[in-house]
Amino acid sequence: MDSSLQLRQFRIRACWFCRSALYLLLIVVQPIACFALDIQRLKTCSGTVLRLRGDIKEGDFARLKSHFRKDAIIGFDLSSEGGDFEEGLRIASLTRRK
């Protein structure tokens, strides 16, 4: 009977440890998925290219628009799996106009 009690206590501890490890993993991984569009200015011999990476979130249009005030942009390098549809349309419209 003593060994069955020890086995039960071991299972409870193992279950608690696994749950704690899973929660910790979710806490660490979740913020990474929430990042907005990363915008970088790349200088080339012809001019400046904007590199856009990540999901499009609310507020990215305003951030992108501020990059047009500095100097002429000759191109975009966009890699995104999606995001906020309306914000994406605003970005596409701005890109088309410029």
PDB file of N, CA and C in Angstrom:
ATOM      1  N   MET A   1       0.816  -1.178   0.000  1.00  0.00           N
ATOM      2  CA  MET A   1       0.000   0.000   0.000  1.00  0.00           C
ATOM      3  C   MET A   1       0.866   1.252   0.000  1.00  0.00           C
ATOM      4  N   ASP A   2       2.008   1.163   0.633  1.00  0.00           N
ATOM      5  CA  ASP A   2       2.923   2.296   0.698  1.00  0.00           C
ATOM      6  C   ASP A   2       3.437   2.662  -0.701  1.00  0.00           C
ATOM      7  N   SER A   3       3.731   1.668  -1.529  1.00  0.00           N
ATOM      8  CA  SER A   3       4.252   1.938  -2.872  1.00  0.00           C
ATOM      9  C   SER A   3       3.184   2.560  -3.768  1.00  0.00           C
ATOM     10  N   SER A   4       1.919   2.162  -3.604  1.00  0.00           N
ATOM     11  CA  SER A   4       0.855   2.760  -4.417  1.00  0.00           C
ATOM     12  C   SER A   4       0.643   4.225  -4.039  1.00  0.00           C
ATOM     13  N   LEU A   5       0.796   4.548  -2.766  1.00  0.00           N
ATOM     14  CA  LEU A   5       0.687   5.935  -2.326  1.00  0.00           C
ATOM     15  C   LEU A   5       1.833   6.768  -2.892  1.00  0.00           C
ATOM     16  N   GLN A   6       3.032   6.208  -2.898  1.00  0.00           N
ATOM     17  CA  GLN A   6       4.189   6.913  -3.468  1.00  0.00           C
ATOM     18  C   GLN A   6       4.013   7.123  -4.967  1.00  0.00           C
ATOM     19  N   LEU A   7       3.478   6.108  -5.648  1.00  0.00           N
ATOM     20  CA  LEU A   7       3.238   6.221  -7.084  1.00  0.00           C
ATOM     21  C   LEU A   7       2.210   7.310  -7.372  1.00  0.00           C
ATOM     22  N   ARG A   8       1.167   7.368  -6.575  1.00  0.00           N
ATOM     23  CA  ARG A   8       0.142   8.392  -6.746  1.00  0.00           C
ATOM     24  C   ARG A   8       0.721   9.790  -6.516  1.00  0.00           C
ATOM     25  N   GLN A   9       1.531   9.949  -5.484  1.00  0.00           N
ATOM     26  CA  GLN A   9       2.160  11.238  -5.215  1.00  0.00           C
ATOM     27  C   GLN A   9       3.110  11.630  -6.345  1.00  0.00           C
ATOM     28  N   PHE A  10       3.823  10.648  -6.879  1.00  0.00           N
ATOM     29  CA  PHE A  10       4.731  10.911  -8.002  1.00  0.00           C
ATOM     30  C   PHE A  10       3.937  11.400  -9.215  1.00  0.00           C
ATOM     31  N   ARG A  11       2.821  10.771  -9.517  1.00  0.00           N
ATOM     32  CA  ARG A  11       1.991  11.163 -10.660  1.00  0.00           C
ATOM     33  C   ARG A  11       1.438  12.571 -10.476  1.00  0.00           C
ATOM     34  N   ILE A  12       1.020  12.900  -9.265  1.00  0.00           N
ATOM     35  CA  ILE A  12       0.500  14.242  -8.987  1.00  0.00           C
ATOM     36  C   ILE A  12       1.590  15.285  -9.207  1.00  0.00           C
ATOM     37  N   ARG A  13       2.781  15.007  -8.706  1.00  0.00           N
ATOM     38  CA  ARG A  13       3.898  15.949  -8.893  1.00  0.00           C
ATOM     39  C   ARG A  13       4.277  16.082 -10.363  1.00  0.00           C
ATOM     40  N   ALA A  14       4.302  14.949 -11.076  1.00  0.00           N
ATOM     41  CA  ALA A  14       4.655  14.974 -12.497  1.00  0.00           C
ATOM     42  C   ALA A  14       3.620  15.779 -13.289  1.00  0.00           C
ATOM     43  N   CYS A  15       2.354  15.573 -12.969  1.00  0.00           N
ATOM     44  CA  CYS A  15       1.294  16.305 -13.644  1.00  0.00           C
ATOM     45  C   CYS A  15       1.421  17.803 -13.364  1.00  0.00           C
ATOM     46  N   TRP A  16       1.674  18.158 -12.110  1.00  0.00           N
ATOM     47  CA  TRP A  16       1.851  19.562 -11.736  1.00  0.00           C
ATOM     48  C   TRP A  16       3.034  20.170 -12.480  1.00  0.00           C
ATOM     49  N   PHE A  17       4.147  19.425 -12.563  1.00  0.00           N
ATOM     50  CA  PHE A  17       5.340  19.924 -13.253  1.00  0.00           C
ATOM     51  C   PHE A  17       5.052  20.140 -14.740  1.00  0.00           C
ATOM     52  N   CYS A  18       4.372  19.191 -15.369  1.00  0.00           N
ATOM     53  CA  CYS A  18       4.060  19.326 -16.800  1.00  0.00           C
ATOM     54  C   CYS A  18       3.158  20.530 -17.060  1.00  0.00           C
ATOM     55  N   ARG A  19       2.134  20.702 -16.212  1.00  0.00           N
ATOM     56  CA  ARG A  19       1.243  21.845 -16.364  1.00  0.00           C
ATOM     57  C   ARG A  19       1.989  23.161 -16.192  1.00  0.00           C
ATOM     58  N   SER A  20       2.865  23.218 -15.194  1.00  0.00           N
ATOM     59  CA  SER A  20       3.642  24.441 -14.964  1.00  0.00           C
ATOM     60  C   SER A  20       4.558  24.743 -16.138  1.00  0.00           C
ATOM     61  N   ALA A  21       5.188  23.715 -16.678  1.00  0.00           N
ATOM     62  CA  ALA A  21       6.077  23.908 -17.830  1.00  0.00           C
ATOM     63  C   ALA A  21       5.293  24.394 -19.041  1.00  0.00           C
ATOM     64  N   LEU A  22       4.094  23.861 -19.246  1.00  0.00           N
ATOM     65  CA  LEU A  22       3.264  24.280 -20.366  1.00  0.00           C
ATOM     66  C   LEU A  22       2.839  25.742 -20.219  1.00  0.00           C
ATOM     67  N   TYR A  23       2.418  26.136 -19.019  1.00  0.00           N
ATOM     68  CA  TYR A  23       2.040  27.532 -18.783  1.00  0.00           C
ATOM     69  C   TYR A  23       3.206  28.470 -19.030  1.00  0.00           C
ATOM     70  N   LEU A  24       4.377  28.094 -18.554  1.00  0.00           N
ATOM     71  CA  LEU A  24       5.559  28.923 -18.754  1.00  0.00           C
ATOM     72  C   LEU A  24       5.881  29.056 -20.237  1.00  0.00           C
ATOM     73  N   LEU A  25       5.785  27.972 -20.967  1.00  0.00           N
ATOM     74  CA  LEU A  25       6.035  28.004 -22.409  1.00  0.00           C
ATOM     75  C   LEU A  25       5.046  28.920 -23.120  1.00  0.00           C
ATOM     76  N   LEU A  26       3.773  28.851 -22.753  1.00  0.00           N
ATOM     77  CA  LEU A  26       2.766  29.712 -23.374  1.00  0.00           C
ATOM     78  C   LEU A  26       3.005  31.182 -23.064  1.00  0.00           C
ATOM     79  N   ILE A  27       3.441  31.478 -21.863  1.00  0.00           N
ATOM     80  CA  ILE A  27       3.729  32.865 -21.490  1.00  0.00           C
ATOM     81  C   ILE A  27       4.884  33.415 -22.309  1.00  0.00           C
ATOM     82  N   VAL A  28       5.881  32.586 -22.576  1.00  0.00           N
ATOM     83  CA  VAL A  28       7.062  33.024 -23.318  1.00  0.00           C
ATOM     84  C   VAL A  28       6.755  33.159 -24.801  1.00  0.00           C
ATOM     85  N   VAL A  29       5.991  32.242 -25.364  1.00  0.00           N
ATOM     86  CA  VAL A  29       5.741  32.207 -26.804  1.00  0.00           C
ATOM     87  C   VAL A  29       4.663  33.199 -27.224  1.00  0.00           C
ATOM     88  N   GLN A  30       3.656  33.425 -26.427  1.00  0.00           N
ATOM     89  CA  GLN A  30       2.539  34.260 -26.833  1.00  0.00           C
ATOM     90  C   GLN A  30       2.923  35.679 -27.245  1.00  0.00           C
ATOM     91  N   PRO A  31       3.766  36.409 -26.495  1.00  0.00           N
ATOM     92  CA  PRO A  31       4.093  37.770 -26.933  1.00  0.00           C
ATOM     93  C   PRO A  31       4.786  37.827 -28.288  1.00  0.00           C
ATOM     94  N   ILE A  32       5.512  36.798 -28.654  1.00  0.00           N
ATOM     95  CA  ILE A  32       6.199  36.789 -29.941  1.00  0.00           C
ATOM     96  C   ILE A  32       5.191  36.839 -31.079  1.00  0.00           C
ATOM     97  N   ALA A  33       4.076  36.173 -30.930  1.00  0.00           N
ATOM     98  CA  ALA A  33       3.067  36.154 -31.975  1.00  0.00           C
ATOM     99  C   ALA A  33       2.293  37.456 -32.056  1.00  0.00           C
ATOM    100  N   CYS A  34       2.409  38.319 -31.091  1.00  0.00           N
ATOM    101  CA  CYS A  34       1.633  39.558 -31.046  1.00  0.00           C
ATOM    102  C   CYS A  34       2.374  40.758 -31.595  1.00  0.00           C
ATOM    103  N   PHE A  35       3.576  40.597 -32.082  1.00  0.00           N
ATOM    104  CA  PHE A  35       4.313  41.736 -32.605  1.00  0.00           C
ATOM    105  C   PHE A  35       3.646  42.280 -33.848  1.00  0.00           C
ATOM    106  N   ALA A  36       3.717  43.577 -34.018  1.00  0.00           N
ATOM    107  CA  ALA A  36       3.162  44.223 -35.198  1.00  0.00           C
ATOM    108  C   ALA A  36       4.192  44.174 -36.333  1.00  0.00           C
ATOM    109  N   LEU A  37       3.876  44.838 -37.394  1.00  0.00           N
ATOM    110  CA  LEU A  37       4.726  44.878 -38.576  1.00  0.00           C
ATOM    111  C   LEU A  37       6.068  45.528 -38.251  1.00  0.00           C
ATOM    112  N   ASP A  38       7.147  44.869 -38.601  1.00  0.00           N
ATOM    113  CA  ASP A  38       8.491  45.407 -38.397  1.00  0.00           C
ATOM    114  C   ASP A  38       8.885  46.153 -39.673  1.00  0.00           C
ATOM    115  N   ILE A  39       9.197  47.430 -39.543  1.00  0.00           N
ATOM    116  CA  ILE A  39       9.529  48.270 -40.697  1.00  0.00           C
ATOM    117  C   ILE A  39      10.984  48.701 -40.591  1.00  0.00           C
ATOM    118  N   GLN A  40      11.769  48.388 -41.622  1.00  0.00           N
ATOM    119  CA  GLN A  40      13.177  48.778 -41.656  1.00  0.00           C
ATOM    120  C   GLN A  40      13.447  49.540 -42.945  1.00  0.00           C
ATOM    121  N   ARG A  41      14.310  50.537 -42.840  1.00  0.00           N
ATOM    122  CA  ARG A  41      14.750  51.295 -44.014  1.00  0.00           C
ATOM    123  C   ARG A  41      16.074  50.706 -44.487  1.00  0.00           C
ATOM    124  N   LEU A  42      16.130  50.308 -45.740  1.00  0.00           N
ATOM    125  CA  LEU A  42      17.351  49.760 -46.316  1.00  0.00           C
ATOM    126  C   LEU A  42      17.863  50.705 -47.392  1.00  0.00           C
ATOM    127  N   LYS A  43      19.074  51.173 -47.230  1.00  0.00           N
ATOM    128  CA  LYS A  43      19.690  52.050 -48.221  1.00  0.00           C
ATOM    129  C   LYS A  43      20.303  51.203 -49.332  1.00  0.00           C
ATOM    130  N   THR A  44      19.966  51.512 -50.565  1.00  0.00           N
ATOM    131  CA  THR A  44      20.555  50.841 -51.724  1.00  0.00           C
ATOM    132  C   THR A  44      21.242  51.899 -52.575  1.00  0.00           C
ATOM    133  N   CYS A  45      21.918  51.479 -53.616  1.00  0.00           N
ATOM    134  CA  CYS A  45      22.600  52.455 -54.473  1.00  0.00           C
ATOM    135  C   CYS A  45      21.589  53.321 -55.234  1.00  0.00           C
ATOM    136  N   SER A  46      20.365  52.829 -55.434  1.00  0.00           N
ATOM    137  CA  SER A  46      19.338  53.583 -56.155  1.00  0.00           C
ATOM    138  C   SER A  46      18.467  54.444 -55.244  1.00  0.00           C
ATOM    139  N   GLY A  47      18.420  54.122 -53.961  1.00  0.00           N
ATOM    140  CA  GLY A  47      17.568  54.859 -53.035  1.00  0.00           C
ATOM    141  C   GLY A  47      17.203  53.995 -51.835  1.00  0.00           C
ATOM    142  N   THR A  48      16.106  54.356 -51.189  1.00  0.00           N
ATOM    143  CA  THR A  48      15.677  53.667 -49.971  1.00  0.00           C
ATOM    144  C   THR A  48      14.553  52.679 -50.272  1.00  0.00           C
ATOM    145  N   VAL A  49      14.690  51.483 -49.719  1.00  0.00           N
ATOM    146  CA  VAL A  49      13.667  50.443 -49.817  1.00  0.00           C
ATOM    147  C   VAL A  49      13.143  50.182 -48.407  1.00  0.00           C
ATOM    148  N   LEU A  50      11.826  50.072 -48.264  1.00  0.00           N
ATOM    149  CA  LEU A  50      11.239  49.730 -46.974  1.00  0.00           C
ATOM    150  C   LEU A  50      11.016  48.224 -46.909  1.00  0.00           C
ATOM    151  N   ARG A  51      11.548  47.612 -45.850  1.00  0.00           N
ATOM    152  CA  ARG A  51      11.355  46.181 -45.631  1.00  0.00           C
ATOM    153  C   ARG A  51      10.304  46.028 -44.534  1.00  0.00           C
ATOM    154  N   LEU A  52       9.200  45.339 -44.866  1.00  0.00           N
ATOM    155  CA  LEU A  52       8.102  45.137 -43.930  1.00  0.00           C
ATOM    156  C   LEU A  52       7.968  43.649 -43.639  1.00  0.00           C
ATOM    157  N   ARG A  53       8.042  43.279 -42.356  1.00  0.00           N
ATOM    158  CA  ARG A  53       7.980  41.875 -41.945  1.00  0.00           C
ATOM    159  C   ARG A  53       6.985  41.708 -40.805  1.00  0.00           C
ATOM    160  N   GLY A  54       6.206  40.650 -40.836  1.00  0.00           N
ATOM    161  CA  GLY A  54       5.300  40.316 -39.743  1.00  0.00           C
ATOM    162  C   GLY A  54       3.843  40.578 -40.082  1.00  0.00           C
ATOM    163  N   ASP A  55       2.984  40.308 -39.114  1.00  0.00           N
ATOM    164  CA  ASP A  55       1.551  40.502 -39.298  1.00  0.00           C
ATOM    165  C   ASP A  55       1.187  41.976 -39.207  1.00  0.00           C
ATOM    166  N   ILE A  56       0.220  42.374 -40.004  1.00  0.00           N
ATOM    167  CA  ILE A  56      -0.236  43.762 -40.023  1.00  0.00           C
ATOM    168  C   ILE A  56      -1.232  43.962 -38.883  1.00  0.00           C
ATOM    169  N   LYS A  57      -0.937  44.919 -38.038  1.00  0.00           N
ATOM    170  CA  LYS A  57      -1.790  45.227 -36.879  1.00  0.00           C
ATOM    171  C   LYS A  57      -2.274  46.672 -36.971  1.00  0.00           C
ATOM    172  N   GLU A  58      -3.249  47.002 -36.141  1.00  0.00           N
ATOM    173  CA  GLU A  58      -3.767  48.360 -36.099  1.00  0.00           C
ATOM    174  C   GLU A  58      -2.646  49.322 -35.696  1.00  0.00           C
ATOM    175  N   GLY A  59      -2.519  50.431 -36.425  1.00  0.00           N
ATOM    176  CA  GLY A  59      -1.479  51.417 -36.155  1.00  0.00           C
ATOM    177  C   GLY A  59      -0.288  51.305 -37.095  1.00  0.00           C
ATOM    178  N   ASP A  60      -0.193  50.209 -37.843  1.00  0.00           N
ATOM    179  CA  ASP A  60       0.931  50.038 -38.764  1.00  0.00           C
ATOM    180  C   ASP A  60       0.868  51.020 -39.928  1.00  0.00           C
ATOM    181  N   PHE A  61      -0.334  51.386 -40.358  1.00  0.00           N
ATOM    182  CA  PHE A  61      -0.471  52.356 -41.447  1.00  0.00           C
ATOM    183  C   PHE A  61       0.168  53.688 -41.065  1.00  0.00           C
ATOM    184  N   ALA A  62      -0.128  54.167 -39.866  1.00  0.00           N
ATOM    185  CA  ALA A  62       0.429  55.444 -39.407  1.00  0.00           C
ATOM    186  C   ALA A  62       1.949  55.358 -39.293  1.00  0.00           C
ATOM    187  N   ARG A  63       2.457  54.236 -38.804  1.00  0.00           N
ATOM    188  CA  ARG A  63       3.909  54.062 -38.699  1.00  0.00           C
ATOM    189  C   ARG A  63       4.552  54.056 -40.085  1.00  0.00           C
ATOM    190  N   LEU A  64       3.912  53.367 -41.038  1.00  0.00           N
ATOM    191  CA  LEU A  64       4.456  53.309 -42.394  1.00  0.00           C
ATOM    192  C   LEU A  64       4.402  54.683 -43.054  1.00  0.00           C
ATOM    193  N   LYS A  65       3.307  55.395 -42.858  1.00  0.00           N
ATOM    194  CA  LYS A  65       3.140  56.719 -43.464  1.00  0.00           C
ATOM    195  C   LYS A  65       4.224  57.688 -42.994  1.00  0.00           C
ATOM    196  N   SER A  66       4.653  57.554 -41.757  1.00  0.00           N
ATOM    197  CA  SER A  66       5.694  58.445 -41.233  1.00  0.00           C
ATOM    198  C   SER A  66       7.035  58.240 -41.934  1.00  0.00           C
ATOM    199  N   HIS A  67       7.254  57.085 -42.538  1.00  0.00           N
ATOM    200  CA  HIS A  67       8.511  56.825 -43.250  1.00  0.00           C
ATOM    201  C   HIS A  67       8.593  57.584 -44.574  1.00  0.00           C
ATOM    202  N   PHE A  68       7.472  58.047 -45.092  1.00  0.00           N
ATOM    203  CA  PHE A  68       7.467  58.778 -46.365  1.00  0.00           C
ATOM    204  C   PHE A  68       7.865  60.234 -46.188  1.00  0.00           C
ATOM    205  N   ARG A  69       7.931  60.718 -44.974  1.00  0.00           N
ATOM    206  CA  ARG A  69       8.268  62.123 -44.737  1.00  0.00           C
ATOM    207  C   ARG A  69       9.769  62.382 -44.826  1.00  0.00           C
ATOM    208  N   LYS A  70      10.583  61.354 -44.737  1.00  0.00           N
ATOM    209  CA  LYS A  70      12.036  61.547 -44.652  1.00  0.00           C
ATOM    210  C   LYS A  70      12.673  61.714 -46.026  1.00  0.00           C
ATOM    211  N   ASP A  71      12.677  60.688 -46.826  1.00  0.00           N
ATOM    212  CA  ASP A  71      13.241  60.783 -48.175  1.00  0.00           C
ATOM    213  C   ASP A  71      12.473  59.846 -49.103  1.00  0.00           C
ATOM    214  N   ALA A  72      12.789  59.906 -50.387  1.00  0.00           N
ATOM    215  CA  ALA A  72      12.052  59.139 -51.385  1.00  0.00           C
ATOM    216  C   ALA A  72      12.216  57.629 -51.164  1.00  0.00           C
ATOM    217  N   ILE A  73      11.119  56.921 -51.277  1.00  0.00           N
ATOM    218  CA  ILE A  73      11.105  55.464 -51.177  1.00  0.00           C
ATOM    219  C   ILE A  73      10.993  54.918 -52.590  1.00  0.00           C
ATOM    220  N   ILE A  74      11.922  54.043 -52.974  1.00  0.00           N
ATOM    221  CA  ILE A  74      11.884  53.509 -54.337  1.00  0.00           C
ATOM    222  C   ILE A  74      11.259  52.118 -54.411  1.00  0.00           C
ATOM    223  N   GLY A  75      11.056  51.478 -53.258  1.00  0.00           N
ATOM    224  CA  GLY A  75      10.472  50.143 -53.309  1.00  0.00           C
ATOM    225  C   GLY A  75      10.092  49.602 -51.939  1.00  0.00           C
ATOM    226  N   PHE A  76       9.362  48.478 -51.988  1.00  0.00           N
ATOM    227  CA  PHE A  76       8.932  47.778 -50.788  1.00  0.00           C
ATOM    228  C   PHE A  76       9.370  46.326 -50.871  1.00  0.00           C
ATOM    229  N   ASP A  77       9.691  45.767 -49.730  1.00  0.00           N
ATOM    230  CA  ASP A  77       9.971  44.338 -49.615  1.00  0.00           C
ATOM    231  C   ASP A  77       9.046  43.837 -48.506  1.00  0.00           C
ATOM    232  N   LEU A  78       7.894  43.282 -48.894  1.00  0.00           N
ATOM    233  CA  LEU A  78       6.848  42.904 -47.944  1.00  0.00           C
ATOM    234  C   LEU A  78       6.787  41.396 -47.783  1.00  0.00           C
ATOM    235  N   SER A  79       6.797  40.946 -46.531  1.00  0.00           N
ATOM    236  CA  SER A  79       6.600  39.537 -46.214  1.00  0.00           C
ATOM    237  C   SER A  79       5.683  39.465 -44.996  1.00  0.00           C
ATOM    238  N   SER A  80       4.425  39.103 -45.241  1.00  0.00           N
ATOM    239  CA  SER A  80       3.440  39.052 -44.166  1.00  0.00           C
ATOM    240  C   SER A  80       2.467  37.917 -44.447  1.00  0.00           C
ATOM    241  N   GLU A  81       2.074  37.232 -43.380  1.00  0.00           N
ATOM    242  CA  GLU A  81       1.099  36.156 -43.537  1.00  0.00           C
ATOM    243  C   GLU A  81      -0.325  36.645 -43.328  1.00  0.00           C
ATOM    244  N   GLY A  82      -0.500  37.946 -43.099  1.00  0.00           N
ATOM    245  CA  GLY A  82      -1.848  38.483 -42.937  1.00  0.00           C
ATOM    246  C   GLY A  82      -1.910  39.482 -41.811  1.00  0.00           C
ATOM    247  N   GLY A  83      -3.097  39.583 -41.226  1.00  0.00           N
ATOM    248  CA  GLY A  83      -3.288  40.518 -40.131  1.00  0.00           C
ATOM    249  C   GLY A  83      -4.588  41.277 -40.300  1.00  0.00           C
ATOM    250  N   ASP A  84      -4.612  42.517 -39.867  1.00  0.00           N
ATOM    251  CA  ASP A  84      -5.793  43.370 -39.910  1.00  0.00           C
ATOM    252  C   ASP A  84      -6.083  43.746 -41.368  1.00  0.00           C
ATOM    253  N   PHE A  85      -7.257  43.320 -41.867  1.00  0.00           N
ATOM    254  CA  PHE A  85      -7.604  43.507 -43.285  1.00  0.00           C
ATOM    255  C   PHE A  85      -7.703  44.975 -43.663  1.00  0.00           C
ATOM    256  N   GLU A  86      -8.424  45.765 -42.867  1.00  0.00           N
ATOM    257  CA  GLU A  86      -8.616  47.184 -43.184  1.00  0.00           C
ATOM    258  C   GLU A  86      -7.298  47.948 -43.152  1.00  0.00           C
ATOM    259  N   GLU A  87      -6.459  47.635 -42.186  1.00  0.00           N
ATOM    260  CA  GLU A  87      -5.142  48.290 -42.102  1.00  0.00           C
ATOM    261  C   GLU A  87      -4.304  47.914 -43.324  1.00  0.00           C
ATOM    262  N   GLY A  88      -4.403  46.665 -43.756  1.00  0.00           N
ATOM    263  CA  GLY A  88      -3.701  46.220 -44.958  1.00  0.00           C
ATOM    264  C   GLY A  88      -4.175  46.945 -46.203  1.00  0.00           C
ATOM    265  N   LEU A  89      -5.481  47.182 -46.301  1.00  0.00           N
ATOM    266  CA  LEU A  89      -6.020  47.934 -47.442  1.00  0.00           C
ATOM    267  C   LEU A  89      -5.508  49.365 -47.450  1.00  0.00           C
ATOM    268  N   ARG A  90      -5.436  49.984 -46.281  1.00  0.00           N
ATOM    269  CA  ARG A  90      -4.917  51.357 -46.193  1.00  0.00           C
ATOM    270  C   ARG A  90      -3.447  51.400 -46.623  1.00  0.00           C
ATOM    271  N   ILE A  91      -2.686  50.400 -46.201  1.00  0.00           N
ATOM    272  CA  ILE A  91      -1.266  50.327 -46.585  1.00  0.00           C
ATOM    273  C   ILE A  91      -1.145  50.123 -48.095  1.00  0.00           C
ATOM    274  N   ALA A  92      -1.981  49.250 -48.649  1.00  0.00           N
ATOM    275  CA  ALA A  92      -1.949  49.001 -50.100  1.00  0.00           C
ATOM    276  C   ALA A  92      -2.319  50.265 -50.877  1.00  0.00           C
ATOM    277  N   SER A  93      -3.304  50.991 -50.391  1.00  0.00           N
ATOM    278  CA  SER A  93      -3.723  52.231 -51.053  1.00  0.00           C
ATOM    279  C   SER A  93      -2.603  53.269 -51.026  1.00  0.00           C
ATOM    280  N   LEU A  94      -1.960  53.430 -49.887  1.00  0.00           N
ATOM    281  CA  LEU A  94      -0.825  54.361 -49.771  1.00  0.00           C
ATOM    282  C   LEU A  94       0.302  53.957 -50.714  1.00  0.00           C
ATOM    283  N   THR A  95       0.588  52.677 -50.767  1.00  0.00           N
ATOM    284  CA  THR A  95       1.655  52.173 -51.634  1.00  0.00           C
ATOM    285  C   THR A  95       1.348  52.468 -53.090  1.00  0.00           C
ATOM    286  N   ARG A  96       0.106  52.270 -53.481  1.00  0.00           N
ATOM    287  CA  ARG A  96      -0.296  52.521 -54.860  1.00  0.00           C
ATOM    288  C   ARG A  96      -0.186  54.002 -55.212  1.00  0.00           C
ATOM    289  N   ARG A  97      -0.597  54.872 -54.287  1.00  0.00           N
ATOM    290  CA  ARG A  97      -0.535  56.324 -54.532  1.00  0.00           C
ATOM    291  C   ARG A  97       0.900  56.815 -54.642  1.00  0.00           C
ATOM    292  N   LYS A  98       1.781  56.278 -53.828  1.00  0.00           N
ATOM    293  CA  LYS A  98       3.175  56.765 -53.831  1.00  0.00           C
ATOM    294  C   LYS A  98       3.942  56.135 -54.956  1.00  0.00           C
TER     295      LYS A  98
END
